[in-house]
Protein backbone atom coordinates (compact mmCIF):
# COMPACT_ATOMS: atom_id res chain seq x y z
CA THR A 1 -15.50 20.15 -8.66
CA GLU A 2 -17.99 18.57 -11.04
CA ASN A 3 -18.27 21.81 -13.03
CA MET A 4 -14.47 22.04 -13.31
CA ALA A 5 -14.24 18.41 -14.44
CA THR A 6 -16.86 19.11 -17.11
CA LEU A 7 -15.02 22.24 -18.22
CA LEU A 8 -11.64 20.48 -18.43
CA THR A 9 -12.82 17.28 -20.09
CA GLY A 10 -15.82 18.34 -22.13
CA CYS A 11 -17.66 15.40 -20.57
CA SER A 12 -21.10 16.21 -19.20
CA ALA A 13 -21.47 12.98 -17.20
CA VAL A 14 -19.17 13.63 -14.24
CA LYS A 15 -19.53 12.82 -10.55
CA SER A 16 -17.51 14.12 -7.63
CA ILE A 17 -17.84 12.64 -4.15
CA LEU A 18 -16.32 14.24 -1.05
CA VAL A 19 -15.35 11.78 1.67
CA LEU A 20 -14.69 13.24 5.11
CA ASN A 21 -12.78 10.83 7.33
CA PRO A 22 -12.97 11.54 11.07
CA ALA A 23 -10.26 8.94 11.82
CA GLU A 24 -7.87 9.46 14.72
CA PRO A 25 -5.04 9.81 14.07
CA PRO A 26 -5.99 11.79 10.96
CA VAL A 27 -5.23 10.25 7.56
CA MET A 28 -3.23 11.87 4.76
CA MET A 29 -5.06 13.63 1.95
CA ARG A 30 -5.68 11.15 -0.89
CA THR A 31 -7.71 11.44 -4.06
CA THR A 32 -8.69 8.64 -6.40
CA VAL A 33 -9.83 9.45 -9.92
CA HIS A 34 -11.87 6.98 -11.95
CA VAL A 35 -12.46 7.54 -15.68
CA ARG A 36 -14.65 5.51 -18.00
CA ALA A 37 -13.63 5.52 -21.64
CA ALA A 38 -14.49 3.44 -24.67
CA ASN A 39 -10.95 3.78 -26.04
CA PHE A 40 -7.73 4.73 -24.31
CA ASP A 41 -3.97 4.39 -24.61
CA LEU A 42 -2.72 3.26 -21.19
CA VAL A 43 0.94 3.80 -22.10
CA ARG A 44 0.22 7.42 -23.04
CA ILE A 45 -1.91 7.91 -19.92
CA LEU A 46 0.95 6.61 -17.76
CA GLN A 47 3.46 8.97 -19.38
CA GLU A 48 1.14 11.99 -19.20
CA SER A 49 0.40 11.21 -15.55
CA ARG A 50 4.09 10.97 -14.66
CA ASP A 51 4.78 14.25 -16.47
CA LEU A 52 1.90 15.97 -14.69
CA VAL A 53 2.98 14.65 -11.29
CA ALA A 54 6.51 15.98 -11.87
CA LYS A 55 5.08 19.38 -12.84
CA VAL A 56 2.79 19.59 -9.79
CA LYS A 57 5.57 18.30 -7.52
CA SER A 58 7.69 21.29 -8.60
CA TYR A 59 5.38 23.56 -6.58
CA VAL A 60 3.74 21.01 -4.22
CA PRO A 61 6.65 18.90 -2.91
CA GLY A 62 4.36 16.53 -0.98
CA TYR A 63 2.37 15.53 -4.10
CA ASP A 64 2.82 11.87 -5.08
CA LEU A 65 1.20 9.37 -7.38
CA VAL A 66 0.64 6.41 -5.04
CA VAL A 67 -1.34 4.20 -7.44
CA GLU A 68 -0.42 4.65 -11.10
CA PRO A 69 -3.15 4.72 -13.72
CA HIS A 70 -4.36 1.19 -14.30
CA VAL A 71 -7.30 -0.64 -15.82
CA ALA A 72 -9.69 -1.06 -12.91
CA GLY A 73 -12.54 -2.63 -14.83
CA SER A 74 -14.12 -2.82 -18.23
CA GLY A 75 -13.35 0.56 -19.80
CA GLN A 76 -12.36 2.11 -16.46
CA ILE A 77 -9.00 3.64 -15.58
CA SER A 78 -8.14 4.61 -11.99
CA ALA A 79 -5.27 6.39 -10.27
CA THR A 80 -4.62 7.70 -6.75
CA VAL A 81 -2.57 10.66 -5.56
CA LYS A 82 -1.57 11.66 -2.04
CA VAL A 83 -0.60 15.10 -0.78
CA LEU A 84 1.59 15.35 2.31
CA GLY A 85 1.47 18.82 3.81
CA SER A 86 4.66 20.77 4.45
CA GLY A 87 3.97 20.87 8.18
CA TYR A 88 5.08 24.50 8.58
CA TYR A 89 1.89 25.86 10.11
CA LEU A 90 -0.59 23.02 9.71
CA PRO A 91 -0.21 19.29 10.34
CA GLU A 92 1.22 17.12 7.55
CA TYR A 93 -2.18 15.48 6.99
CA SER A 94 -3.51 18.88 5.82
CA GLY A 95 -2.14 18.33 2.32
CA ASN A 96 -5.41 19.50 0.80
CA LEU A 97 -4.75 23.00 2.15
CA ASP A 98 -1.13 22.93 0.97
CA ILE A 99 -2.14 22.07 -2.58
CA ILE A 100 -4.82 24.79 -2.64
CA ASN A 101 -2.34 27.43 -1.45
CA ALA A 102 0.47 26.20 -3.70
CA ALA A 103 -1.84 26.14 -6.73
CA ALA A 104 -2.92 29.72 -5.98
CA VAL A 105 0.71 30.87 -5.76
CA GLU A 106 1.63 29.00 -8.96
CA THR A 107 -1.36 30.50 -10.79
CA ALA A 108 -0.43 34.00 -9.63
CA THR A 109 3.18 33.41 -10.73
CA GLN A 110 2.03 32.33 -14.18
CA HIS A 111 -0.24 35.38 -14.48
CA VAL A 112 2.65 37.70 -13.60
CA HIS A 113 4.90 35.97 -16.13
CA LEU A 114 2.28 36.24 -18.91
CA SER A 115 1.56 39.85 -17.99
CA ARG A 116 5.26 40.71 -18.29
CA LEU A 117 5.49 38.93 -21.65
CA ASN A 118 2.47 40.83 -22.94
CA HIS A 119 3.91 44.11 -21.65
CA GLU A 120 7.23 43.43 -23.40
CA ARG A 121 5.44 42.69 -26.70
CA ILE A 122 3.45 45.90 -26.47
CA THR A 123 6.43 48.09 -25.60
CA THR A 124 8.86 46.66 -28.16
């Protein structure tokens, strides 16, 4: 996760912490992201976050932004998302598995689409 965050952001100072919660009844999958930045545009961050949530929600229906990006401290922005599982085969609190599977299917779909576009360009 830290390597992916570095790759996506270009920031070498990243930290990822996994919290396993043995609570009974089990709790829903939630992730909080904290970002430190010297300069930021909160209005733009809010809009980009809402757009991204809508995009992810198109293939992960249980994905929700439960705490919008906000200034959480000096130069720190935080936001929290929750993923409610579909409940077809696994319990609803297994949203982490739903998002992994849905992301894999979405990625495969995009690869097929790009492959077809490339094939059409080559053959026309």
